[in-house]
Amino acid sequence: MASKLGIAYSNWRRRGFWHKALDIVVWLFALAGFAIIGAWAVYQLGLTNNRGAVDKNSRYMLSISEMESLKESELTQEQIQRNWMKQYVKLAAFSRFYPVNAQLITTAAQYGHDPQLVDRMIAASSLYIDDLTEYNNLLREVEKVLEKHPQQAAENVIPWMCGAEWPALKNAIIRDKALITEAGRLTGVEPRLIVGCLIGEQIRLFNSNREAFKQYLGPVKVLSVQSQFSYGVNGIKMSTAKTIEEHMKDPSSPFYMGPRYEHLLDYTVEGQAQLDERYNRLVDYRNHLYSYLYTACILHQTMLQWKRAGYDISNRPDILFTLFNVGFAQSVPKPNPVCGGSHIKIHGQTYTFGAIGFDFYYSGELAEDFPFWRQRFIPGDKELTEEEIAYIQGSVSNCKRPPRGWEYVKKDSVVEPHREYDDALYDVDDDEFAGTYANE
């Protein structure tokens, strides 16, 4: 056999180069064919199938999936909130051993709006924990401490939020959410700061005119629009509005907001007509966008004034609310500013304007509608587009307004029709407005 192979090999060596090359190609194709046929046979016979196996934790995973979801249960909002508190206790204990996972679970549960998700995620993580004894012991210790202090049925810890005005005011503010959010976007100011100013002004009005609250704000839940000396839902004076506009155009001013905002409050008219237009912007009970724009500009301009003087108050909402209330004339940058402003009496207790805004800002109220920004003020890097400017300028309603300047007329020289304009104007239908405030 070996001699035959030797003879065959010897004969092959005597063949020409091209004959040898052809023989090699034929052999390679033959080998490739055998390989393909072999692979096909292995596949057809199922020799490569991974039949898998039942996971040893399958039943445990099933039990996690079957845990009750609060979304599907018939619990009250209060019960759900209490459950959230219990979940935070569990996470606090879990974080002592696995802080990374506790943080991830906290964030995920908040996005999921389901406190029961915490139990599921902790249970899922426990698959890789051999011994939960220490965690369970700590959790029991914490729960025992909490059980020593029974759940209190106390009202909101902030006294002025316990009255009937606050729930009504919240509903009225939420109705303006889109406008407030848009004003924040256009001015680079956190909308929550705008709301803080709004609340201080509205709470003052509601408590200074209880009858108006009982008759309109309570049942209708709308914002009060001032029309005497100070205007709009935030009580902006005409002189203040004019000063804001001047700051927008003066790059040398410490209040200058930058080129992006120069045309934010531009007019479509000139001369004397601008006075009427400015008044119409503010005393507009149908569309409050301009009230919020002027409010946001005051906040932004005041912050920049102090920052340029070396004092950053962008993280001091109490000071920003105070300065909004006292005005540009009293905004004097200095170290160690203090919270204050107008005194507002609510249910027998006196607060300052700045304190009311501060209370709201850090209360967590309306956080879903007006969340906290990481950066409260955003500098403008691009100018407003023509479409944005046109949108702003078109945000004035064709609604009935008290005559501009009537508040300067002596009361005994006019007929009674305008006697109640200084109380409030509400976001109601024109017919209802006329019947309520035009006692003609």
Protein backbone atom coordinates (compact mmCIF):
# COMPACT_ATOMS: atom_id res chain seq x y z
CA MET A 1 0.00 0.00 0.00
CA ALA A 2 2.82 2.34 0.97
CA SER A 3 4.65 1.49 -2.28
CA LYS A 4 1.55 2.31 -4.31
CA LEU A 5 1.18 5.66 -2.56
CA GLY A 6 4.86 6.31 -3.16
CA ILE A 7 4.52 5.53 -6.84
CA ALA A 8 1.43 7.75 -7.12
CA TYR A 9 3.18 10.59 -5.33
CA SER A 10 6.24 10.16 -7.58
CA ASN A 11 4.08 10.27 -10.70
CA TRP A 12 2.28 13.38 -9.36
CA ARG A 13 5.58 15.19 -8.81
CA ARG A 14 6.50 14.62 -12.45
CA ARG A 15 3.30 16.38 -13.59
CA GLY A 16 3.48 19.96 -14.78
CA PHE A 17 2.89 22.99 -12.52
CA TRP A 18 -0.59 23.79 -13.82
CA HIS A 19 -1.66 20.16 -13.47
CA LYS A 20 -0.52 20.21 -9.83
CA ALA A 21 -2.37 23.45 -9.14
CA LEU A 22 -5.56 22.06 -10.67
CA ASP A 23 -5.28 18.91 -8.53
CA ILE A 24 -4.91 21.04 -5.34
CA VAL A 25 -7.99 23.12 -6.22
CA VAL A 26 -10.03 19.96 -6.81
CA TRP A 27 -8.94 18.53 -3.44
CA LEU A 28 -9.84 21.77 -1.64
CA PHE A 29 -13.31 21.84 -3.18
CA ALA A 30 -13.76 18.21 -2.20
CA LEU A 31 -12.80 18.95 1.42
CA ALA A 32 -15.13 21.96 1.52
CA GLY A 33 -17.98 19.84 0.19
CA PHE A 34 -17.40 17.20 2.84
CA ALA A 35 -17.38 19.92 5.55
CA ILE A 36 -20.65 21.48 4.36
CA ILE A 37 -22.38 18.11 4.13
CA GLY A 38 -21.10 17.20 7.59
CA ALA A 39 -22.33 20.44 9.16
CA TRP A 40 -25.76 19.98 7.54
CA ALA A 41 -25.97 16.44 8.89
CA VAL A 42 -25.06 17.59 12.43
CA TYR A 43 -27.70 20.35 12.29
CA GLN A 44 -30.39 18.00 10.95
CA LEU A 45 -29.66 15.51 13.66
CA GLY A 46 -30.11 18.26 16.29
CA LEU A 47 -26.66 17.72 17.75
CA THR A 48 -26.14 21.51 18.14
CA ASN A 49 -29.40 22.28 19.93
CA ASN A 50 -29.12 23.91 23.41
CA ARG A 51 -32.12 22.45 25.10
CA GLY A 52 -31.73 24.86 28.09
CA ALA A 53 -32.90 24.23 31.62
CA VAL A 54 -35.36 25.56 34.14
CA ASP A 55 -33.76 28.35 36.18
CA LYS A 56 -33.43 27.38 39.84
CA ASN A 57 -35.05 30.71 40.82
CA SER A 58 -37.98 30.47 38.43
CA ARG A 59 -40.61 30.03 41.15
CA TYR A 60 -39.13 32.93 43.13
CA MET A 61 -39.29 35.16 40.05
CA LEU A 62 -42.92 34.18 39.60
CA SER A 63 -43.71 35.18 43.18
CA ILE A 64 -42.14 38.61 42.57
CA SER A 65 -44.25 39.17 39.45
CA GLU A 66 -47.40 38.20 41.33
CA MET A 67 -46.86 40.74 44.12
CA GLU A 68 -49.85 43.07 44.37
CA SER A 69 -49.59 46.31 42.43
CA LEU A 70 -50.91 49.44 44.09
CA LYS A 71 -51.94 50.73 40.69
CA GLU A 72 -54.53 47.97 40.49
CA SER A 73 -55.76 48.16 44.08
CA GLU A 74 -58.49 50.37 45.45
CA LEU A 75 -56.43 52.39 47.93
CA THR A 76 -56.96 56.03 48.71
CA GLN A 77 -54.31 58.59 47.86
CA GLU A 78 -53.47 58.90 51.55
CA GLN A 79 -52.94 55.14 51.87
CA ILE A 80 -50.71 55.15 48.82
CA GLN A 81 -48.64 57.99 50.28
CA ARG A 82 -48.25 56.11 53.56
CA ASN A 83 -47.09 53.09 51.59
CA TRP A 84 -44.49 55.29 49.90
CA MET A 85 -43.14 56.25 53.32
CA LYS A 86 -42.83 52.57 54.26
CA GLN A 87 -40.93 51.90 51.04
CA TYR A 88 -38.49 54.72 51.80
CA VAL A 89 -37.82 53.10 55.19
CA LYS A 90 -37.01 49.83 53.44
CA LEU A 91 -34.73 51.61 51.00
CA ALA A 92 -32.96 53.44 53.82
CA ALA A 93 -32.19 50.09 55.46
CA PHE A 94 -31.23 48.47 52.15
CA SER A 95 -28.88 51.36 51.33
CA ARG A 96 -26.76 50.57 54.40
CA PHE A 97 -25.67 47.37 52.65
CA TYR A 98 -26.16 48.05 48.92
CA PRO A 99 -26.21 51.85 48.34
CA VAL A 100 -25.83 51.64 44.55
CA ASN A 101 -28.85 49.38 44.17
CA ALA A 102 -30.88 51.39 46.68
CA GLN A 103 -30.30 54.56 44.64
CA LEU A 104 -31.25 52.84 41.39
CA ILE A 105 -34.41 51.41 42.95
CA THR A 106 -35.40 54.80 44.37
CA THR A 107 -35.09 56.52 41.00
CA ALA A 108 -36.88 53.75 39.13
CA ALA A 109 -39.78 53.62 41.61
CA GLN A 110 -40.32 57.37 41.38
CA TYR A 111 -40.46 57.22 37.59
CA GLY A 112 -42.83 54.26 37.82
CA HIS A 113 -45.24 56.07 40.17
CA ASP A 114 -45.76 52.76 41.97
CA PRO A 115 -44.41 52.34 45.52
CA GLN A 116 -44.98 48.59 45.34
CA LEU A 117 -42.24 48.52 42.73
CA VAL A 118 -39.75 49.00 45.57
CA ASP A 119 -40.72 45.65 47.11
CA ARG A 120 -40.38 43.93 43.77
CA MET A 121 -36.96 45.41 43.02
CA ILE A 122 -35.54 44.71 46.47
CA ALA A 123 -36.82 41.13 46.20
CA ALA A 124 -35.26 40.79 42.73
CA SER A 125 -31.91 42.08 43.99
CA SER A 126 -32.09 39.60 46.87
CA LEU A 127 -31.59 36.76 44.38
CA TYR A 128 -27.87 37.43 44.64
CA ILE A 129 -27.73 37.94 48.39
CA ASP A 130 -26.92 34.77 50.30
CA ASP A 131 -27.95 36.06 53.70
CA LEU A 132 -30.52 38.80 54.33
CA THR A 133 -30.40 38.42 58.10
CA GLU A 134 -28.58 41.70 58.77
CA TYR A 135 -30.85 43.67 56.47
CA ASN A 136 -34.02 42.17 57.96
CA ASN A 137 -32.78 42.80 61.50
CA LEU A 138 -32.03 46.45 60.72
CA LEU A 139 -35.40 46.88 59.02
CA ARG A 140 -37.20 45.47 62.05
CA GLU A 141 -35.27 47.79 64.36
CA VAL A 142 -36.20 50.85 62.29
CA GLU A 143 -39.85 49.80 62.09
CA LYS A 144 -39.97 49.32 65.88
CA VAL A 145 -38.68 52.85 66.40
CA LEU A 146 -41.34 54.22 64.05
CA GLU A 147 -44.09 52.22 65.75
CA LYS A 148 -43.30 54.01 69.01
CA HIS A 149 -44.48 57.21 67.31
CA PRO A 150 -47.99 56.62 65.94
CA GLN A 151 -49.08 58.24 62.71
CA GLN A 152 -50.39 61.75 63.34
CA ALA A 153 -53.45 63.12 61.59
CA ALA A 154 -51.99 66.63 61.54
CA GLU A 155 -52.63 69.11 58.75
CA ASN A 156 -49.97 70.61 56.52
CA VAL A 157 -47.04 71.77 58.63
CA ILE A 158 -47.19 75.13 56.80
CA PRO A 159 -50.12 76.93 58.50
CA TRP A 160 -51.23 79.10 55.58
CA MET A 161 -51.62 75.99 53.40
CA CYS A 162 -54.27 74.59 55.76
CA GLY A 163 -57.07 76.97 54.77
CA ALA A 164 -59.62 76.68 52.00
CA GLU A 165 -57.75 79.21 49.87
CA TRP A 166 -54.76 77.02 49.11
CA PRO A 167 -56.56 74.08 47.41
CA ALA A 168 -58.56 76.55 45.31
CA LEU A 169 -55.45 78.52 44.42
CA LYS A 170 -53.57 75.36 43.42
CA ASN A 171 -56.31 74.44 40.96
CA ALA A 172 -56.27 77.96 39.52
CA ILE A 173 -52.48 77.85 39.10
CA ILE A 174 -52.58 74.47 37.39
CA ARG A 175 -54.99 75.92 34.83
CA ASP A 176 -52.21 78.34 33.86
CA LYS A 177 -49.50 75.66 33.80
CA ALA A 178 -48.90 75.91 30.05
CA LEU A 179 -48.53 79.69 30.15
CA ILE A 180 -46.21 79.65 33.18
CA THR A 181 -44.07 76.93 31.66
CA GLU A 182 -43.85 78.81 28.38
CA ALA A 183 -42.90 82.04 30.17
CA GLY A 184 -40.11 80.13 31.92
CA ARG A 185 -38.83 78.74 28.64
CA LEU A 186 -38.88 82.11 26.89
CA THR A 187 -37.12 83.95 29.73
CA GLY A 188 -34.78 81.22 30.96
CA VAL A 189 -36.33 81.29 34.44
CA GLU A 190 -37.42 78.24 36.40
CA PRO A 191 -41.26 78.25 36.29
CA ARG A 192 -41.39 77.29 39.96
CA LEU A 193 -39.89 80.69 40.82
CA ILE A 194 -42.61 82.42 38.78
CA VAL A 195 -45.24 80.45 40.69
CA GLY A 196 -43.67 81.48 44.00
CA CYS A 197 -44.21 85.15 43.14
CA LEU A 198 -47.73 84.40 41.90
CA ILE A 199 -48.69 82.66 45.14
CA GLY A 200 -47.45 85.50 47.33
CA GLU A 201 -49.51 88.02 45.39
CA GLN A 202 -52.65 85.87 45.08
CA ILE A 203 -52.68 84.79 48.74
CA ARG A 204 -52.53 88.46 49.71
CA LEU A 205 -55.48 89.29 47.46
CA PHE A 206 -57.57 86.33 48.59
CA ASN A 207 -57.15 87.23 52.25
CA SER A 208 -57.73 90.95 51.73
CA ASN A 209 -61.02 90.30 49.95
CA ARG A 210 -62.73 87.34 51.58
CA GLU A 211 -66.07 87.98 49.91
CA ALA A 212 -64.52 87.84 46.44
CA PHE A 213 -62.90 84.54 47.38
CA LYS A 214 -66.14 83.04 48.63
CA GLN A 215 -68.09 84.20 45.59
CA TYR A 216 -65.61 83.54 42.77
CA LEU A 217 -62.25 81.94 43.58
CA GLY A 218 -63.74 79.20 45.75
CA PRO A 219 -66.31 77.85 43.27
CA VAL A 220 -64.69 78.96 40.00
CA LYS A 221 -61.03 78.49 41.01
CA VAL A 222 -59.50 81.27 38.93
CA LEU A 223 -56.72 83.77 39.53
CA SER A 224 -57.44 87.32 40.62
CA VAL A 225 -56.37 90.05 38.18
CA GLN A 226 -55.61 93.43 39.72
CA SER A 227 -56.47 96.58 37.81
CA GLN A 228 -55.72 99.46 40.17
CA PHE A 229 -52.18 100.85 40.57
CA SER A 230 -50.69 97.33 40.30
CA TYR A 231 -51.84 95.16 37.43
CA GLY A 232 -52.36 91.58 36.42
CA VAL A 233 -52.21 88.36 38.40
CA ASN A 234 -48.81 89.34 39.82
CA GLY A 235 -49.45 92.99 40.59
CA ILE A 236 -46.93 94.56 38.18
CA LYS A 237 -46.89 98.38 38.23
CA MET A 238 -46.88 100.20 34.91
CA SER A 239 -43.65 101.99 35.85
CA THR A 240 -42.04 98.67 36.73
CA ALA A 241 -43.08 97.15 33.41
CA LYS A 242 -41.55 100.11 31.57
CA THR A 243 -38.31 99.77 33.56
CA ILE A 244 -38.12 96.07 32.71
CA GLU A 245 -38.45 96.88 29.01
CA GLU A 246 -35.68 99.49 29.25
CA HIS A 247 -33.35 97.00 30.94
CA MET A 248 -33.90 94.59 28.03
CA LYS A 249 -32.49 97.11 25.55
CA ASP A 250 -29.51 98.48 27.52
CA PRO A 251 -26.36 96.32 27.34
CA SER A 252 -24.65 98.67 29.83
CA SER A 253 -27.30 98.03 32.49
CA PRO A 254 -26.50 95.62 35.35
CA PHE A 255 -29.99 94.21 34.72
CA TYR A 256 -29.34 93.43 31.03
CA MET A 257 -30.44 89.88 30.22
CA GLY A 258 -28.49 89.43 26.98
CA PRO A 259 -29.16 89.65 23.23
CA ARG A 260 -31.53 86.67 23.25
CA TYR A 261 -34.06 88.58 25.30
CA GLU A 262 -33.77 92.05 23.73
CA HIS A 263 -36.93 91.62 21.64
CA LEU A 264 -38.90 89.60 24.19
CA LEU A 265 -41.20 92.52 25.11
CA ASP A 266 -41.17 94.42 21.82
CA TYR A 267 -44.30 96.28 20.71
CA THR A 268 -46.13 96.27 17.42
CA VAL A 269 -47.08 99.93 17.96
CA GLU A 270 -45.12 103.08 18.78
CA GLY A 271 -45.46 106.26 20.81
CA GLN A 272 -48.51 106.85 22.96
CA ALA A 273 -50.12 103.62 21.78
CA GLN A 274 -47.51 101.67 23.71
CA LEU A 275 -49.04 102.89 26.99
CA ASP A 276 -52.36 101.33 26.10
CA GLU A 277 -50.66 98.21 24.83
CA ARG A 278 -48.64 97.81 28.05
CA TYR A 279 -51.83 98.22 30.07
CA ASN A 280 -53.66 95.68 27.94
CA ARG A 281 -50.86 93.18 28.39
CA LEU A 282 -51.12 93.29 32.15
CA VAL A 283 -54.88 93.71 32.67
CA ASP A 284 -55.76 90.68 30.57
CA TYR A 285 -57.93 88.25 32.50
CA ARG A 286 -58.12 85.75 29.64
CA ASN A 287 -54.41 85.29 28.91
CA HIS A 288 -51.86 85.86 31.69
CA LEU A 289 -48.73 85.17 29.62
CA TYR A 290 -47.46 88.75 29.78
CA SER A 291 -47.93 88.87 33.55
CA TYR A 292 -45.68 85.82 33.82
CA LEU A 293 -43.16 87.18 31.32
CA TYR A 294 -42.74 90.44 33.25
CA THR A 295 -42.50 88.49 36.51
CA ALA A 296 -39.81 86.20 35.12
CA CYS A 297 -37.87 89.17 33.74
CA ILE A 298 -37.85 90.84 37.17
CA LEU A 299 -36.43 87.65 38.70
CA HIS A 300 -33.84 87.20 35.96
CA GLN A 301 -32.77 90.84 35.87
CA THR A 302 -32.47 91.11 39.65
CA MET A 303 -30.44 87.93 39.84
CA LEU A 304 -28.05 89.24 37.18
CA GLN A 305 -27.70 92.60 38.96
CA TRP A 306 -26.58 90.89 42.15
CA LYS A 307 -24.39 88.37 40.36
CA ARG A 308 -22.54 91.12 38.50
CA ALA A 309 -21.98 92.85 41.84
CA GLY A 310 -20.35 89.69 43.19
CA TYR A 311 -23.32 88.16 45.04
CA ASP A 312 -24.93 85.08 43.57
CA ILE A 313 -28.53 84.80 44.82
CA SER A 314 -29.66 82.35 42.14
CA ASN A 315 -29.88 79.69 44.86
CA ARG A 316 -31.79 81.96 47.27
CA PRO A 317 -35.45 81.86 46.26
CA ASP A 318 -36.42 83.66 49.49
CA ILE A 319 -34.28 86.67 48.47
CA LEU A 320 -35.53 86.58 44.88
CA PHE A 321 -39.16 86.64 46.06
CA THR A 322 -38.40 89.46 48.46
CA LEU A 323 -36.74 91.58 45.76
CA PHE A 324 -39.61 90.92 43.38
CA ASN A 325 -41.97 92.30 46.02
CA VAL A 326 -39.98 95.38 47.08
CA GLY A 327 -39.00 96.45 43.55
CA PHE A 328 -35.91 97.52 41.63
CA ALA A 329 -35.39 100.65 43.75
CA GLN A 330 -34.70 98.58 46.85
CA SER A 331 -32.60 95.96 45.06
CA VAL A 332 -29.16 96.93 46.37
CA PRO A 333 -26.60 94.10 46.13
CA LYS A 334 -24.88 93.43 49.45
CA PRO A 335 -23.58 90.55 51.54
CA ASN A 336 -25.95 88.63 53.79
CA PRO A 337 -29.33 89.72 52.33
CA VAL A 338 -32.41 88.88 54.41
CA CYS A 339 -35.87 87.61 53.53
CA GLY A 340 -38.80 89.99 53.96
CA GLY A 341 -41.20 92.14 51.98
CA SER A 342 -44.82 93.08 52.49
CA HIS A 343 -46.62 91.74 55.54
CA ILE A 344 -49.49 89.40 54.70
CA LYS A 345 -51.93 88.30 57.38
CA ILE A 346 -53.45 84.85 56.89
CA HIS A 347 -55.80 83.33 59.46
CA GLY A 348 -54.48 85.59 62.17
CA GLN A 349 -50.80 84.91 61.49
CA THR A 350 -48.51 87.39 59.77
CA TYR A 351 -46.05 86.34 57.07
CA THR A 352 -43.73 88.21 54.76
CA PHE A 353 -44.05 87.99 50.99
CA GLY A 354 -40.60 86.38 50.70
CA ALA A 355 -41.42 83.77 53.36
CA ILE A 356 -44.63 82.70 51.61
CA GLY A 357 -42.76 82.17 48.34
CA PHE A 358 -40.02 80.32 50.21
CA ASP A 359 -42.58 78.07 51.95
CA PHE A 360 -44.12 77.10 48.65
CA TYR A 361 -40.83 76.66 46.80
CA TYR A 362 -39.49 74.00 49.19
CA SER A 363 -42.85 72.50 50.19
CA GLY A 364 -42.97 70.02 47.34
CA GLU A 365 -46.43 71.28 46.40
CA LEU A 366 -47.12 71.23 42.64
CA ALA A 367 -43.69 69.67 42.02
CA GLU A 368 -45.12 67.41 39.34
CA ASP A 369 -46.48 70.39 37.41
CA PHE A 370 -43.57 72.76 38.19
CA PRO A 371 -40.49 70.63 38.89
CA PHE A 372 -37.19 71.91 40.21
CA TRP A 373 -34.63 72.78 37.55
CA ARG A 374 -30.99 71.90 38.11
CA GLN A 375 -30.18 75.41 36.94
CA ARG A 376 -32.74 78.02 37.97
CA PHE A 377 -31.67 80.60 35.40
CA ILE A 378 -30.55 79.78 31.86
CA PRO A 379 -28.55 82.34 29.89
CA GLY A 380 -29.69 82.81 26.32
CA ASP A 381 -27.27 81.64 23.65
CA LYS A 382 -29.64 82.08 20.71
CA GLU A 383 -31.94 84.95 19.86
CA LEU A 384 -35.66 84.44 19.93
CA THR A 385 -37.06 83.48 16.56
CA GLU A 386 -39.54 85.67 14.70
CA GLU A 387 -42.16 83.00 15.31
CA GLU A 388 -41.58 83.12 19.06
CA ILE A 389 -41.78 86.91 19.12
CA ALA A 390 -44.96 86.85 17.02
CA TYR A 391 -46.47 84.28 19.39
CA ILE A 392 -45.74 86.51 22.40
CA GLN A 393 -47.11 89.63 20.73
CA GLY A 394 -50.26 87.76 19.80
CA SER A 395 -50.93 86.74 23.39
CA VAL A 396 -53.27 89.62 24.28
CA SER A 397 -56.97 88.86 24.47
CA ASN A 398 -59.76 91.02 23.12
CA CYS A 399 -61.58 91.19 26.45
CA LYS A 400 -63.31 93.96 28.40
CA ARG A 401 -61.01 95.99 30.62
CA PRO A 402 -61.56 98.89 33.02
CA PRO A 403 -60.52 102.21 31.46
CA ARG A 404 -56.81 102.93 31.87
CA GLY A 405 -56.16 105.59 34.48
CA TRP A 406 -59.58 105.44 36.15
CA GLU A 407 -57.94 104.81 39.52
CA TYR A 408 -56.51 108.34 39.49
CA VAL A 409 -59.96 109.92 39.16
CA LYS A 410 -61.53 111.17 42.39
CA LYS A 411 -64.14 108.71 43.59
CA ASP A 412 -66.81 111.36 44.07
CA SER A 413 -66.45 112.53 40.47
CA VAL A 414 -67.35 109.23 38.85
CA VAL A 415 -70.41 107.05 38.78
CA GLU A 416 -70.37 103.79 40.71
CA PRO A 417 -69.81 101.41 37.75
CA HIS A 418 -66.06 101.12 38.42
CA ARG A 419 -66.15 100.87 42.17
CA GLU A 420 -65.34 97.14 42.20
CA TYR A 421 -62.68 97.02 39.51
CA ASP A 422 -59.97 97.28 42.15
CA ASP A 423 -61.16 94.11 43.88
CA ALA A 424 -60.43 91.56 41.20
CA LEU A 425 -61.07 90.54 37.63
CA TYR A 426 -61.61 86.88 37.01
CA ASP A 427 -61.12 84.57 34.11
CA VAL A 428 -64.82 84.28 33.29
CA ASP A 429 -66.95 84.74 30.21
CA ASP A 430 -67.45 88.32 29.02
CA ASP A 431 -71.17 88.19 29.77
CA GLU A 432 -70.54 87.00 33.31
CA PHE A 433 -67.78 89.58 33.68
CA ALA A 434 -70.08 92.38 32.54
CA GLY A 435 -72.88 91.27 34.81
CA THR A 436 -70.56 91.02 37.80
CA TYR A 437 -68.43 94.12 37.55
CA ALA A 438 -70.40 96.61 35.44
CA ASN A 439 -73.12 97.73 37.78
CA GLU A 440 -74.70 99.93 35.14
